[in-house]
Amino acid sequence: MRAQTRQGLRSSTRQQGGRRRRAVSAAAAVAIGVMTLGALAPPAASASDSAASAAAAARPDAVQQALNTLVRDDGMPAALASVQDRNGRIRTYTAGVGDLTTGSKVPRDGQVRIGSNTKAFTAVVVLQLVGEGKIGLDATVDTYLPGLVRGKGIDGRRITVRQLLQHTSGLPEYGIHVDDDEIRNRYFEPRELLDIALRYKADAAPGTTWGYSNTNYVLAGLIVQKVTGRPLAEEMGRRIIKRIGLRHTYFPTPGEMTIREPHPHGYHRNPANTPLRDFTEMDPSAGWAAGQLISTNSDLNRFFTALLAGRLLPAAQLAEMRTTVPAGTSGLRYGLGLTSRPLSCGGVYWGHGGDIAGYETRGGVTDDGRAANVAVTNIPTDEAATQHVKDAVDRALCG
């Protein structure tokens, strides 16, 4: 959820280096799931052509090969993907094992914690309220939460809703001040997360620079609740999840530490020289509006496809969401809870991505209807593994 936070709460953007490690899990590498894809044989093929076709069909395709690499070379216990082409055809993939203790299979399109992808959902709710005239994008935080945001160089009378959603508020990050055991076991009220951040001075003056901070989305969630008079989870469920039929997506209730449907176990290692720990069961409240949701790769594809197709926002608010600023040096650009990233085959894809202890998800959709999301069951901690996750998404969208 942010690059400088502890491993349990990290960003979808990964701009800073120096925190990666290369670790191969033998238990994960021994079992690589291979998806079988049907193929139509051409008529009147020769014996040699038939043999070549059979050999090609037996080989994993580019997406499967990318997942296999994540397990075999990068030590991911499991990798999962869901890919939708321009015609709406959906393919799902798995590699590795779902549980390092039992060696069980990875559930196809299993549920995972989606971390900072939650920000896109929160931003959609805010922008829906903007479209309804209940929130102003360029109104200040104090308009809705008077007197709440004050600190060293921090003043809610100078920070706008737009700056929260675009990470240009200069607000400090709370996650670097919460350790793994707290993230795993403690229930945090949203105001507690804000209070942690406000102990520290501003990172920058509002509107002067882009800087990823989960604190922005905690405040966005609090504004939603103040304006609607309802819990954020309820608004997210009514306005997005039920509206577009995300059957495997939910906001865990307070104290809910398990994952409801079939899922691969999530693992976490911090520091790098310690064994992997099973982090499947954890209290996700440290993420809240910035990172609490549970979903599947296919549901994420459905969400981002519906969003880009204009099914969740009026045209004016979708255009605001897609108005981006540079976010680092990798070509990534950040809008209002939505990112764009270049593709090797040309153009960009739109999505978000997210990390939370045990899981990383990456992916998005293109303007012409392609969609792909990839999940792994351990946050990559070296640059090679991180790049391999990005490569898997690129292969899925460019294949």
Protein backbone atom coordinates (compact mmCIF):
# COMPACT_ATOMS: atom_id res chain seq x y z
CA MET A 1 0.00 0.00 0.00
CA ARG A 2 3.00 2.30 0.18
CA ALA A 3 6.64 1.86 -0.72
CA GLN A 4 8.10 3.17 2.53
CA THR A 5 5.71 1.40 4.86
CA ARG A 6 6.36 -1.92 6.50
CA GLN A 7 5.81 -4.94 4.28
CA GLY A 8 2.30 -5.47 5.57
CA LEU A 9 0.98 -2.18 4.17
CA ARG A 10 2.58 -1.24 0.89
CA SER A 11 1.73 0.61 -2.26
CA SER A 12 0.64 -0.43 -5.69
CA THR A 13 3.29 1.83 -7.13
CA ARG A 14 6.64 0.58 -5.79
CA GLN A 15 8.68 3.64 -6.74
CA GLN A 16 11.55 3.16 -4.33
CA GLY A 17 14.10 0.35 -4.46
CA GLY A 18 16.43 -1.20 -1.93
CA ARG A 19 13.90 -3.42 -0.23
CA ARG A 20 13.81 -6.46 -2.46
CA ARG A 21 15.09 -9.92 -1.76
CA ARG A 22 15.35 -13.07 -3.76
CA ALA A 23 13.92 -16.09 -1.94
CA VAL A 24 12.95 -19.39 -3.51
CA SER A 25 10.50 -21.57 -1.61
CA ALA A 26 11.15 -25.20 -2.48
CA ALA A 27 7.73 -26.24 -1.28
CA ALA A 28 6.11 -23.78 -3.63
CA ALA A 29 8.35 -24.52 -6.58
CA VAL A 30 7.66 -28.27 -6.71
CA ALA A 31 4.04 -27.90 -7.79
CA ILE A 32 3.26 -25.78 -10.84
CA GLY A 33 -0.32 -25.92 -12.04
CA VAL A 34 -0.70 -25.93 -15.82
CA MET A 35 -3.91 -24.82 -17.48
CA THR A 36 -5.09 -26.76 -20.53
CA LEU A 37 -6.47 -24.59 -23.32
CA GLY A 38 -8.65 -26.11 -26.04
CA ALA A 39 -7.58 -25.67 -29.67
CA LEU A 40 -9.26 -26.33 -33.00
CA ALA A 41 -7.15 -28.44 -35.33
CA PRO A 42 -7.03 -27.34 -38.98
CA PRO A 43 -8.68 -29.68 -41.49
CA ALA A 44 -6.62 -32.20 -43.46
CA ALA A 45 -3.46 -31.60 -41.44
CA SER A 46 -0.42 -33.71 -42.19
CA ALA A 47 1.03 -36.03 -39.59
CA SER A 48 3.91 -33.64 -38.97
CA ASP A 49 1.53 -30.68 -38.71
CA SER A 50 -0.64 -32.64 -36.26
CA ALA A 51 2.39 -33.52 -34.16
CA ALA A 52 3.52 -29.90 -34.13
CA SER A 53 0.04 -28.73 -33.17
CA ALA A 54 -0.15 -31.28 -30.38
CA ALA A 55 3.22 -30.20 -29.07
CA ALA A 56 2.20 -26.56 -29.16
CA ALA A 57 -1.06 -27.32 -27.34
CA ALA A 58 0.86 -29.17 -24.64
CA ARG A 59 3.13 -26.18 -23.97
CA PRO A 60 1.95 -23.56 -21.49
CA ASP A 61 0.97 -20.28 -23.09
CA ALA A 62 2.72 -17.00 -22.27
CA VAL A 63 0.59 -16.22 -19.23
CA GLN A 64 1.05 -19.69 -17.77
CA GLN A 65 4.78 -19.49 -18.38
CA ALA A 66 4.86 -16.15 -16.55
CA LEU A 67 3.07 -17.64 -13.54
CA ASN A 68 5.36 -20.66 -13.58
CA THR A 69 8.35 -18.29 -13.45
CA LEU A 70 6.91 -16.52 -10.42
CA VAL A 71 6.70 -19.84 -8.58
CA ARG A 72 9.85 -21.52 -9.86
CA ASP A 73 12.28 -18.60 -9.91
CA ASP A 74 10.80 -16.06 -7.51
CA GLY A 75 9.62 -18.36 -4.73
CA MET A 76 5.96 -17.41 -4.81
CA PRO A 77 3.94 -20.14 -3.11
CA ALA A 78 1.13 -19.57 -5.63
CA ALA A 79 0.22 -17.37 -8.57
CA LEU A 80 -3.23 -16.90 -10.10
CA ALA A 81 -4.52 -14.99 -13.11
CA SER A 82 -7.75 -14.20 -14.91
CA VAL A 83 -7.63 -12.86 -18.47
CA GLN A 84 -10.44 -11.53 -20.65
CA ASP A 85 -9.90 -10.85 -24.35
CA ARG A 86 -11.63 -8.27 -26.57
CA ASN A 87 -14.42 -10.74 -27.30
CA GLY A 88 -15.18 -11.39 -23.65
CA ARG A 89 -13.58 -14.85 -23.55
CA ILE A 90 -12.23 -15.52 -20.06
CA ARG A 91 -9.29 -17.74 -19.16
CA THR A 92 -8.10 -18.53 -15.64
CA TYR A 93 -4.67 -19.81 -14.62
CA THR A 94 -2.93 -21.14 -11.53
CA ALA A 95 0.59 -22.15 -10.55
CA GLY A 96 2.16 -23.42 -7.34
CA VAL A 97 0.34 -24.69 -4.25
CA GLY A 98 -2.51 -23.23 -2.28
CA ASP A 99 -1.16 -24.31 1.11
CA LEU A 100 2.53 -24.95 1.80
CA THR A 101 1.68 -27.24 4.72
CA THR A 102 -0.72 -29.57 2.92
CA GLY A 103 0.37 -29.04 -0.70
CA SER A 104 -3.25 -28.51 -1.71
CA LYS A 105 -4.11 -27.16 -5.16
CA VAL A 106 -4.53 -23.48 -5.81
CA PRO A 107 -8.28 -22.77 -6.13
CA ARG A 108 -8.98 -21.45 -9.61
CA ASP A 109 -9.90 -17.77 -9.38
CA GLY A 110 -9.66 -18.01 -5.60
CA GLN A 111 -10.33 -15.08 -3.30
CA VAL A 112 -7.39 -12.95 -2.17
CA ARG A 113 -6.88 -9.78 -0.17
CA ILE A 114 -6.61 -7.06 -2.83
CA GLY A 115 -4.93 -4.34 -0.76
CA SER A 116 -4.77 -0.95 -2.44
CA ASN A 117 -7.15 -1.90 -5.25
CA THR A 118 -9.62 -0.87 -2.54
CA LYS A 119 -8.61 2.74 -3.25
CA ALA A 120 -10.23 2.57 -6.68
CA PHE A 121 -13.51 1.47 -5.06
CA THR A 122 -13.31 4.27 -2.48
CA ALA A 123 -12.54 6.81 -5.20
CA VAL A 124 -15.56 5.66 -7.24
CA VAL A 125 -17.88 6.19 -4.26
CA VAL A 126 -16.44 9.68 -3.68
CA LEU A 127 -16.83 10.55 -7.37
CA GLN A 128 -20.39 9.26 -7.43
CA LEU A 129 -21.13 11.64 -4.58
CA VAL A 130 -19.41 14.40 -6.56
CA GLY A 131 -21.75 13.65 -9.45
CA GLU A 132 -24.70 13.85 -7.07
CA GLY A 133 -23.60 17.28 -5.87
CA LYS A 134 -22.88 16.06 -2.32
CA ILE A 135 -19.08 16.43 -2.46
CA GLY A 136 -16.97 19.02 -4.26
CA LEU A 137 -13.69 17.78 -5.73
CA ASP A 138 -12.03 21.10 -5.03
CA ALA A 139 -13.71 21.62 -1.68
CA THR A 140 -11.41 21.37 1.32
CA VAL A 141 -11.32 18.53 3.82
CA ASP A 142 -12.53 20.99 6.46
CA THR A 143 -15.76 21.46 4.50
CA TYR A 144 -16.76 17.94 5.58
CA LEU A 145 -14.54 17.22 8.60
CA PRO A 146 -14.07 20.64 10.23
CA GLY A 147 -11.10 20.93 12.55
CA LEU A 148 -10.15 17.26 12.27
CA VAL A 149 -6.99 17.50 10.17
CA ARG A 150 -4.35 19.58 11.97
CA GLY A 151 -0.68 18.90 12.54
CA LYS A 152 2.87 20.00 11.77
CA GLY A 153 2.49 21.71 8.42
CA ILE A 154 -0.93 20.04 8.08
CA ASP A 155 -4.18 21.98 7.78
CA GLY A 156 -7.42 20.52 6.47
CA ARG A 157 -8.44 24.03 5.34
CA ARG A 158 -5.70 23.82 2.67
CA ILE A 159 -6.17 20.23 1.45
CA THR A 160 -8.81 19.40 -1.17
CA VAL A 161 -10.72 16.21 -1.86
CA ARG A 162 -9.02 16.01 -5.27
CA GLN A 163 -5.61 16.09 -3.59
CA LEU A 164 -6.62 13.21 -1.31
CA LEU A 165 -7.69 11.04 -4.23
CA GLN A 166 -4.60 11.91 -6.31
CA HIS A 167 -2.02 11.66 -3.48
CA THR A 168 -0.96 15.27 -3.82
CA SER A 169 -2.03 16.35 -0.32
CA GLY A 170 1.39 16.00 1.29
CA LEU A 171 -0.12 14.05 4.20
CA PRO A 172 2.27 11.67 6.00
CA GLU A 173 1.85 7.90 5.89
CA TYR A 174 0.59 6.04 8.96
CA GLY A 175 1.60 2.53 7.87
CA ILE A 176 5.33 2.94 8.52
CA HIS A 177 4.51 3.35 12.19
CA VAL A 178 2.53 0.10 12.56
CA ASP A 179 4.40 -3.21 12.85
CA ASP A 180 3.47 -6.56 11.34
CA ASP A 181 2.00 -8.05 14.50
CA GLU A 182 -0.22 -5.01 15.02
CA ILE A 183 -1.35 -5.15 11.40
CA ARG A 184 -2.14 -8.84 11.77
CA ASN A 185 -3.89 -8.92 15.12
CA ARG A 186 -5.17 -5.49 16.10
CA TYR A 187 -8.44 -3.84 15.14
CA PHE A 188 -7.98 -0.20 14.18
CA GLU A 189 -10.72 2.38 14.06
CA PRO A 190 -10.22 4.68 11.05
CA ARG A 191 -9.72 7.67 13.35
CA GLU A 192 -6.86 5.82 15.04
CA LEU A 193 -5.10 5.45 11.69
CA LEU A 194 -5.50 9.17 11.06
CA ASP A 195 -4.25 10.00 14.55
CA ILE A 196 -1.08 7.98 13.92
CA ALA A 197 -0.36 9.95 10.75
CA LEU A 198 -1.03 13.33 12.36
CA ARG A 199 1.74 12.79 14.91
CA TYR A 200 4.22 13.47 12.11
CA LYS A 201 4.95 16.52 9.99
CA ALA A 202 3.65 16.93 6.45
CA ASP A 203 5.67 15.36 3.66
CA ALA A 204 5.03 18.37 1.41
CA ALA A 205 2.75 21.37 0.99
CA PRO A 206 -0.63 20.49 -0.54
CA GLY A 207 -0.64 20.39 -4.33
CA THR A 208 3.13 20.63 -4.79
CA THR A 209 4.12 17.04 -5.46
CA TRP A 210 2.82 13.50 -5.83
CA GLY A 211 3.45 11.22 -2.83
CA TYR A 212 1.62 7.97 -2.08
CA SER A 213 0.00 7.90 1.35
CA ASN A 214 -2.72 5.61 2.68
CA THR A 215 -3.75 8.44 4.99
CA ASN A 216 -5.37 10.18 2.00
CA TYR A 217 -7.86 7.36 1.54
CA VAL A 218 -8.66 7.01 5.23
CA LEU A 219 -9.76 10.63 5.05
CA ALA A 220 -11.69 10.01 1.83
CA GLY A 221 -13.54 7.17 3.56
CA LEU A 222 -14.34 9.37 6.54
CA ILE A 223 -15.74 12.03 4.19
CA VAL A 224 -17.99 9.43 2.55
CA GLN A 225 -19.34 8.41 5.94
CA LYS A 226 -19.90 12.01 7.06
CA VAL A 227 -21.72 12.96 3.85
CA THR A 228 -23.90 9.83 3.56
CA GLY A 229 -24.41 9.09 7.24
CA ARG A 230 -23.73 5.42 6.45
CA PRO A 231 -20.72 3.08 6.87
CA LEU A 232 -18.24 3.09 3.99
CA ALA A 233 -18.61 -0.68 3.55
CA GLU A 234 -22.35 -0.30 3.11
CA GLU A 235 -21.98 2.47 0.54
CA MET A 236 -19.35 0.49 -1.36
CA GLY A 237 -21.57 -2.57 -1.36
CA ARG A 238 -24.68 -0.73 -2.54
CA ARG A 239 -23.06 1.58 -5.06
CA ILE A 240 -20.53 -0.82 -6.63
CA ILE A 241 -20.47 -4.45 -5.52
CA LYS A 242 -24.19 -5.21 -5.85
CA ARG A 243 -24.71 -2.81 -8.73
CA ILE A 244 -22.35 -4.62 -11.13
CA GLY A 245 -22.68 -8.12 -9.66
CA LEU A 246 -19.31 -8.69 -7.99
CA ARG A 247 -20.31 -11.99 -6.40
CA HIS A 248 -16.94 -12.71 -4.80
CA THR A 249 -16.02 -9.24 -3.50
CA TYR A 250 -16.70 -8.00 0.02
CA PHE A 251 -15.55 -5.64 2.74
CA PRO A 252 -14.71 -7.74 5.83
CA THR A 253 -16.73 -6.90 8.90
CA PRO A 254 -15.02 -5.71 12.11
CA GLY A 255 -13.09 -8.58 13.64
CA GLU A 256 -13.42 -10.80 10.56
CA MET A 257 -9.95 -12.29 10.06
CA THR A 258 -10.69 -15.18 7.69
CA ILE A 259 -11.40 -15.31 3.95
CA ARG A 260 -14.91 -16.59 3.23
CA GLU A 261 -14.56 -18.54 -0.03
CA PRO A 262 -11.92 -20.92 -1.48
CA HIS A 263 -8.56 -19.13 -1.44
CA PRO A 264 -4.84 -19.78 -1.53
CA HIS A 265 -3.00 -19.17 1.71
CA GLY A 266 -1.07 -15.91 1.89
CA TYR A 267 2.51 -15.79 3.23
CA HIS A 268 4.72 -13.05 4.59
CA ARG A 269 8.42 -12.78 5.40
CA ASN A 270 9.82 -9.80 7.27
CA PRO A 271 12.76 -9.39 7.68
CA ALA A 272 14.08 -11.18 4.61
CA ASN A 273 16.16 -13.77 6.47
CA THR A 274 13.21 -15.19 8.42
CA PRO A 275 10.94 -18.08 7.40
CA LEU A 276 7.69 -17.49 5.54
CA ARG A 277 4.76 -17.02 7.93
CA ASP A 278 1.19 -17.89 7.07
CA PHE A 279 -0.65 -14.53 7.10
CA THR A 280 -3.92 -15.77 5.62
CA GLU A 281 -5.85 -14.91 8.74
CA MET A 282 -5.37 -11.30 9.76
CA ASP A 283 -7.35 -8.25 10.78
CA PRO A 284 -7.42 -6.03 7.66
CA SER A 285 -8.67 -2.92 9.45
CA ALA A 286 -5.26 -1.22 9.16
CA GLY A 287 -6.12 -0.92 5.47
CA TRP A 288 -9.77 0.21 5.75
CA ALA A 289 -10.69 2.55 2.85
CA ALA A 290 -7.13 2.24 1.56
CA GLY A 291 -6.85 -1.56 1.47
CA GLN A 292 -9.41 -3.79 3.22
CA LEU A 293 -11.35 -5.48 0.39
CA ILE A 294 -11.28 -9.17 -0.54
CA SER A 295 -12.01 -10.19 -4.14
CA THR A 296 -10.94 -12.41 -7.05
CA ASN A 297 -9.01 -11.67 -10.22
CA SER A 298 -12.17 -12.11 -12.29
CA ASP A 299 -14.18 -9.73 -10.12
CA LEU A 300 -11.42 -7.14 -10.39
CA ASN A 301 -11.55 -7.47 -14.16
CA ARG A 302 -15.32 -7.00 -14.03
CA PHE A 303 -14.97 -3.93 -11.80
CA PHE A 304 -12.36 -2.13 -13.89
CA THR A 305 -14.15 -3.05 -17.13
CA ALA A 306 -17.44 -1.62 -15.83
CA LEU A 307 -15.66 1.48 -14.57
CA LEU A 308 -13.93 2.24 -17.88
CA ALA A 309 -17.16 1.52 -19.78
CA GLY A 310 -18.97 4.27 -17.85
CA ARG A 311 -21.25 1.98 -15.88
CA LEU A 312 -20.24 3.35 -12.48
CA LEU A 313 -19.60 7.05 -13.06
CA PRO A 314 -21.02 9.86 -15.17
CA ALA A 315 -18.73 10.87 -18.04
CA ALA A 316 -17.53 14.05 -16.32
CA GLN A 317 -16.43 12.21 -13.16
CA LEU A 318 -14.81 9.37 -15.14
CA ALA A 319 -12.82 11.97 -17.08
CA GLU A 320 -11.63 13.48 -13.79
CA MET A 321 -10.64 10.03 -12.56
CA ARG A 322 -8.58 9.45 -15.71
CA THR A 323 -6.76 12.79 -15.46
CA THR A 324 -3.32 11.75 -14.26
CA VAL A 325 -0.03 13.07 -12.94
CA PRO A 326 3.39 11.35 -13.18
CA ALA A 327 4.05 8.86 -10.39
CA GLY A 328 7.75 8.02 -10.49
CA THR A 329 9.96 7.17 -13.44
CA SER A 330 8.47 3.92 -14.78
CA GLY A 331 5.77 5.50 -16.92
CA LEU A 332 3.15 5.00 -14.21
CA ARG A 333 0.65 7.84 -13.91
CA TYR A 334 -1.88 8.38 -11.12
CA GLY A 335 -5.37 9.81 -11.51
CA LEU A 336 -8.09 9.82 -8.86
CA GLY A 337 -7.73 6.31 -7.45
CA LEU A 338 -6.85 4.99 -10.91
CA THR A 339 -3.46 4.41 -12.55
CA SER A 340 -2.29 4.05 -16.13
CA ARG A 341 0.77 2.05 -17.13
CA PRO A 342 2.33 1.59 -20.59
CA LEU A 343 2.07 -1.74 -22.42
CA SER A 344 4.89 -3.28 -24.45
CA CYS A 345 2.48 -3.69 -27.38
CA GLY A 346 1.47 -0.03 -27.31
CA GLY A 347 -1.08 1.99 -25.40
CA VAL A 348 -1.74 1.75 -21.68
CA TYR A 349 -3.87 -0.19 -19.25
CA TRP A 350 -5.94 1.27 -16.43
CA GLY A 351 -6.18 -0.24 -12.95
CA HIS A 352 -4.58 0.14 -9.55
CA GLY A 353 -2.92 -2.85 -7.88
CA GLY A 354 -2.29 -3.57 -4.24
CA ASP A 355 -0.16 -5.21 -1.56
CA ILE A 356 -1.18 -6.37 1.87
CA ALA A 357 0.69 -8.91 3.98
CA GLY A 358 0.28 -12.28 2.25
CA TYR A 359 -0.90 -11.09 -1.16
CA GLU A 360 -0.10 -8.87 -4.11
CA THR A 361 -2.48 -8.13 -7.01
CA ARG A 362 -1.65 -6.36 -10.27
CA GLY A 363 -3.62 -5.73 -13.43
CA GLY A 364 -6.19 -3.63 -15.21
CA VAL A 365 -8.07 -3.09 -18.44
CA THR A 366 -7.51 -1.45 -21.82
CA ASP A 367 -9.82 0.93 -23.62
CA ASP A 368 -10.55 -1.75 -26.24
CA GLY A 369 -11.88 -4.26 -23.71
CA ARG A 370 -8.93 -6.45 -22.73
CA ALA A 371 -8.63 -7.20 -19.01
CA ALA A 372 -6.14 -9.10 -16.84
CA ASN A 373 -5.35 -9.45 -13.17
CA VAL A 374 -2.57 -11.45 -11.54
CA ALA A 375 -2.25 -12.35 -7.84
CA VAL A 376 0.65 -13.87 -5.94
CA THR A 377 0.64 -15.13 -2.37
CA ASN A 378 3.66 -13.29 -1.04
CA ILE A 379 4.64 -9.66 -1.59
CA PRO A 380 7.67 -9.62 -3.92
CA THR A 381 10.68 -8.11 -2.19
CA ASP A 382 13.23 -7.96 -5.00
CA GLU A 383 13.11 -6.06 -8.26
CA ALA A 384 13.22 -9.17 -10.44
CA ALA A 385 10.14 -10.70 -8.84
CA THR A 386 8.30 -7.39 -8.96
CA GLN A 387 9.08 -7.07 -12.65
CA HIS A 388 7.94 -10.65 -13.29
CA VAL A 389 4.49 -9.82 -11.86
CA LYS A 390 4.29 -6.80 -14.16
CA ASP A 391 5.50 -8.95 -17.05
CA ALA A 392 2.70 -11.45 -16.41
CA VAL A 393 0.11 -8.67 -16.71
CA ASP A 394 1.78 -7.33 -19.85
CA ARG A 395 1.82 -10.75 -21.48
CA ALA A 396 -1.83 -11.29 -20.65
CA LEU A 397 -2.88 -7.97 -22.17
CA CYS A 398 -0.53 -8.08 -25.17
CA GLY A 399 -0.89 -11.76 -26.04
